[in-house]
Each structure stands twice: as C-alpha cells, then as structure tokens.
C-alpha cells in the first residue's frame, strides 16, 4: 500500500482502551516515546489491534498547535 502521508511511525501497541464509541491506542515508538491516538472502536476491531503487536501511526495534519501557560 502506498499513501500520501509522510509521517509514518512504527511502534508496539502498549494498550487499547475502549470507551463507549472511541478507543485510545497507546503506541510505543523505537525512541521510547509514547503516542496516543483516538480512533473508533470499530476501527480497533477491524484492525484487530492488541497490546504487544506492531502497528503504525500515520500522521497527516495541516495544523500543529503548541500552547504554553
């Protein structure tokens, strides 16, 4: 599969925590950083996401916001 997104990060699924409609998926990158994505429960089921497996975070964003107190 080829995609237009240029930020594809491989990692290991640490946790999949399902809510009522949305799941939070925590992915540990090779750097040790942890990325959390909010995706639908349906997407979790279709992908068969489980802790301990390899997966990818695909990031395609037109805006990145930074805040400071």
N, C-alpha and C. Protein backbone atom coordinates (compact mmCIF):
# COMPACT_ATOMS: atom_id res chain seq x y z
N UNK A 1 0.83 -1.17 0.00
CA UNK A 1 0.00 0.00 0.00
C UNK A 1 0.88 1.24 0.00
N UNK A 2 0.55 2.21 -0.83
CA UNK A 2 1.25 3.48 -0.86
C UNK A 2 0.28 4.56 -0.39
N UNK A 3 0.78 5.48 0.44
CA UNK A 3 -0.06 6.55 0.95
C UNK A 3 0.65 7.89 0.81
N UNK A 4 -0.10 8.98 0.87
CA UNK A 4 0.49 10.30 0.70
C UNK A 4 1.09 10.87 1.97
N UNK A 5 0.72 10.35 3.11
CA UNK A 5 1.25 10.86 4.38
C UNK A 5 2.75 10.59 4.47
N UNK A 6 3.49 11.54 4.95
CA UNK A 6 4.95 11.41 5.03
C UNK A 6 5.44 11.05 6.43
N UNK A 7 4.56 11.08 7.39
CA UNK A 7 4.93 10.76 8.76
C UNK A 7 4.31 9.43 9.16
N UNK A 8 5.06 8.36 8.98
CA UNK A 8 4.61 7.02 9.34
C UNK A 8 5.57 6.50 10.40
N UNK A 9 5.04 6.27 11.60
CA UNK A 9 5.87 5.86 12.73
C UNK A 9 5.49 4.46 13.17
N UNK A 10 6.48 3.57 13.18
CA UNK A 10 6.24 2.19 13.59
C UNK A 10 6.46 2.06 15.09
N UNK A 11 5.65 1.25 15.72
CA UNK A 11 5.82 1.04 17.15
C UNK A 11 5.09 -0.20 17.62
N UNK A 12 5.10 -0.37 18.94
CA UNK A 12 4.44 -1.50 19.57
C UNK A 12 3.23 -0.99 20.34
N UNK A 13 2.10 -1.65 20.16
CA UNK A 13 0.88 -1.28 20.86
C UNK A 13 1.07 -1.62 22.34
N UNK A 14 0.98 -0.59 23.19
CA UNK A 14 1.09 -0.80 24.63
C UNK A 14 -0.27 -1.12 25.25
N UNK A 15 -1.29 -0.42 24.76
CA UNK A 15 -2.61 -0.54 25.39
C UNK A 15 -3.69 -0.12 24.40
N UNK A 16 -4.81 -0.80 24.45
CA UNK A 16 -6.00 -0.41 23.72
C UNK A 16 -7.11 -0.29 24.76
N UNK A 17 -7.57 0.94 24.98
CA UNK A 17 -8.59 1.18 26.00
C UNK A 17 -9.86 1.68 25.31
N UNK A 18 -10.85 0.80 25.23
CA UNK A 18 -12.11 1.15 24.56
C UNK A 18 -13.02 1.92 25.49
N UNK A 19 -13.66 2.94 24.92
CA UNK A 19 -14.70 3.69 25.61
C UNK A 19 -16.03 3.32 24.99
N UNK A 20 -17.01 4.22 25.14
CA UNK A 20 -18.34 3.94 24.62
C UNK A 20 -18.35 3.86 23.09
N UNK A 21 -17.64 4.79 22.44
CA UNK A 21 -17.58 4.79 20.97
C UNK A 21 -16.15 4.92 20.44
N UNK A 22 -15.26 5.45 21.28
CA UNK A 22 -13.89 5.75 20.86
C UNK A 22 -12.90 4.99 21.72
N UNK A 23 -11.82 4.56 21.10
CA UNK A 23 -10.76 3.87 21.83
C UNK A 23 -9.50 4.73 21.83
N UNK A 24 -8.72 4.63 22.90
CA UNK A 24 -7.41 5.26 22.95
C UNK A 24 -6.37 4.15 22.78
N UNK A 25 -5.53 4.33 21.78
CA UNK A 25 -4.49 3.34 21.48
C UNK A 25 -3.14 3.99 21.79
N UNK A 26 -2.37 3.37 22.68
CA UNK A 26 -1.05 3.86 23.04
C UNK A 26 -0.01 3.05 22.29
N UNK A 27 0.86 3.76 21.55
CA UNK A 27 1.87 3.13 20.70
C UNK A 27 3.25 3.60 21.16
N UNK A 28 4.11 2.65 21.53
CA UNK A 28 5.48 2.99 21.94
C UNK A 28 6.40 2.95 20.72
N UNK A 29 7.04 4.08 20.45
CA UNK A 29 7.94 4.19 19.31
C UNK A 29 9.33 3.67 19.68
N UNK A 30 10.20 3.45 18.70
CA UNK A 30 11.54 2.93 18.96
C UNK A 30 12.36 3.87 19.84
N UNK A 31 12.02 5.15 19.85
CA UNK A 31 12.72 6.14 20.68
C UNK A 31 12.32 6.03 22.15
N UNK A 32 11.27 5.26 22.43
CA UNK A 32 10.75 5.16 23.78
C UNK A 32 9.59 6.11 24.03
N UNK A 33 9.38 7.05 23.11
CA UNK A 33 8.24 7.96 23.23
C UNK A 33 6.95 7.19 23.02
N UNK A 34 5.89 7.67 23.65
CA UNK A 34 4.59 7.03 23.52
C UNK A 34 3.62 8.00 22.86
N UNK A 35 2.96 7.54 21.83
CA UNK A 35 1.98 8.31 21.09
C UNK A 35 0.60 7.72 21.39
N UNK A 36 -0.37 8.58 21.62
CA UNK A 36 -1.74 8.11 21.87
C UNK A 36 -2.64 8.61 20.76
N UNK A 37 -3.40 7.69 20.18
CA UNK A 37 -4.35 8.04 19.12
C UNK A 37 -5.76 7.68 19.58
N UNK A 38 -6.71 8.53 19.22
CA UNK A 38 -8.12 8.25 19.48
C UNK A 38 -8.74 7.80 18.16
N UNK A 39 -9.22 6.57 18.13
CA UNK A 39 -9.85 6.02 16.93
C UNK A 39 -11.15 5.33 17.35
N UNK A 40 -11.99 5.02 16.39
CA UNK A 40 -13.26 4.38 16.73
C UNK A 40 -13.05 2.94 17.21
N UNK A 41 -13.97 2.47 18.03
CA UNK A 41 -13.94 1.06 18.45
C UNK A 41 -14.05 0.14 17.24
N UNK A 42 -14.82 0.56 16.25
CA UNK A 42 -14.97 -0.23 15.02
C UNK A 42 -13.62 -0.40 14.32
N UNK A 43 -12.83 0.67 14.26
CA UNK A 43 -11.50 0.60 13.63
C UNK A 43 -10.59 -0.35 14.41
N UNK A 44 -10.66 -0.31 15.73
CA UNK A 44 -9.87 -1.24 16.56
C UNK A 44 -10.21 -2.68 16.21
N UNK A 45 -11.50 -2.96 16.11
CA UNK A 45 -11.95 -4.32 15.80
C UNK A 45 -11.54 -4.74 14.39
N UNK A 46 -11.71 -3.84 13.41
CA UNK A 46 -11.36 -4.16 12.03
C UNK A 46 -9.87 -4.42 11.86
N UNK A 47 -9.04 -3.65 12.59
CA UNK A 47 -7.60 -3.83 12.51
C UNK A 47 -7.10 -4.96 13.41
N UNK A 48 -7.93 -5.39 14.34
CA UNK A 48 -7.54 -6.44 15.28
C UNK A 48 -6.42 -5.99 16.20
N UNK A 49 -6.46 -4.74 16.62
CA UNK A 49 -5.38 -4.18 17.45
C UNK A 49 -5.37 -4.81 18.84
N UNK A 50 -4.17 -5.25 19.25
CA UNK A 50 -3.99 -5.86 20.57
C UNK A 50 -2.64 -5.43 21.13
N UNK A 51 -2.57 -5.30 22.43
CA UNK A 51 -1.31 -4.95 23.10
C UNK A 51 -0.23 -5.96 22.73
N UNK A 52 0.98 -5.45 22.51
CA UNK A 52 2.12 -6.29 22.19
C UNK A 52 2.40 -6.44 20.71
N UNK A 53 1.45 -6.06 19.87
CA UNK A 53 1.63 -6.19 18.42
C UNK A 53 2.27 -4.95 17.83
N UNK A 54 2.86 -5.11 16.66
CA UNK A 54 3.43 -3.98 15.92
C UNK A 54 2.30 -3.28 15.15
N UNK A 55 2.40 -1.96 15.09
CA UNK A 55 1.41 -1.17 14.33
C UNK A 55 2.09 0.12 13.89
N UNK A 56 1.38 0.91 13.14
CA UNK A 56 1.92 2.17 12.62
C UNK A 56 1.00 3.32 12.99
N UNK A 57 1.60 4.45 13.31
CA UNK A 57 0.86 5.70 13.44
C UNK A 57 1.11 6.46 12.14
N UNK A 58 0.04 6.82 11.45
CA UNK A 58 0.14 7.57 10.21
C UNK A 58 -0.38 8.97 10.49
N UNK A 59 0.49 9.96 10.35
CA UNK A 59 0.13 11.33 10.72
C UNK A 59 0.08 12.20 9.48
N UNK A 60 -1.08 12.75 9.22
CA UNK A 60 -1.26 13.68 8.11
C UNK A 60 -2.07 14.84 8.66
N UNK A 61 -1.41 15.94 8.94
CA UNK A 61 -2.08 17.07 9.57
C UNK A 61 -1.72 18.36 8.84
N UNK A 62 -2.71 19.22 8.71
CA UNK A 62 -2.44 20.52 8.10
C UNK A 62 -2.06 21.54 9.15
N UNK A 63 -2.36 21.27 10.42
CA UNK A 63 -2.04 22.19 11.50
C UNK A 63 -1.46 21.44 12.68
N UNK A 64 -0.49 22.06 13.32
CA UNK A 64 0.04 21.57 14.59
C UNK A 64 -0.01 22.74 15.55
N UNK A 65 -0.66 22.54 16.69
CA UNK A 65 -0.80 23.63 17.66
C UNK A 65 0.11 23.39 18.85
N UNK A 66 0.68 24.45 19.36
CA UNK A 66 1.52 24.41 20.55
C UNK A 66 0.99 25.44 21.52
N UNK A 67 0.91 25.09 22.78
CA UNK A 67 0.43 26.03 23.79
C UNK A 67 1.41 26.16 24.94
N UNK A 68 1.27 27.22 25.68
CA UNK A 68 2.15 27.45 26.84
C UNK A 68 1.39 28.27 27.85
N UNK A 69 1.58 27.94 29.14
CA UNK A 69 0.97 28.73 30.22
C UNK A 69 1.73 30.01 30.43
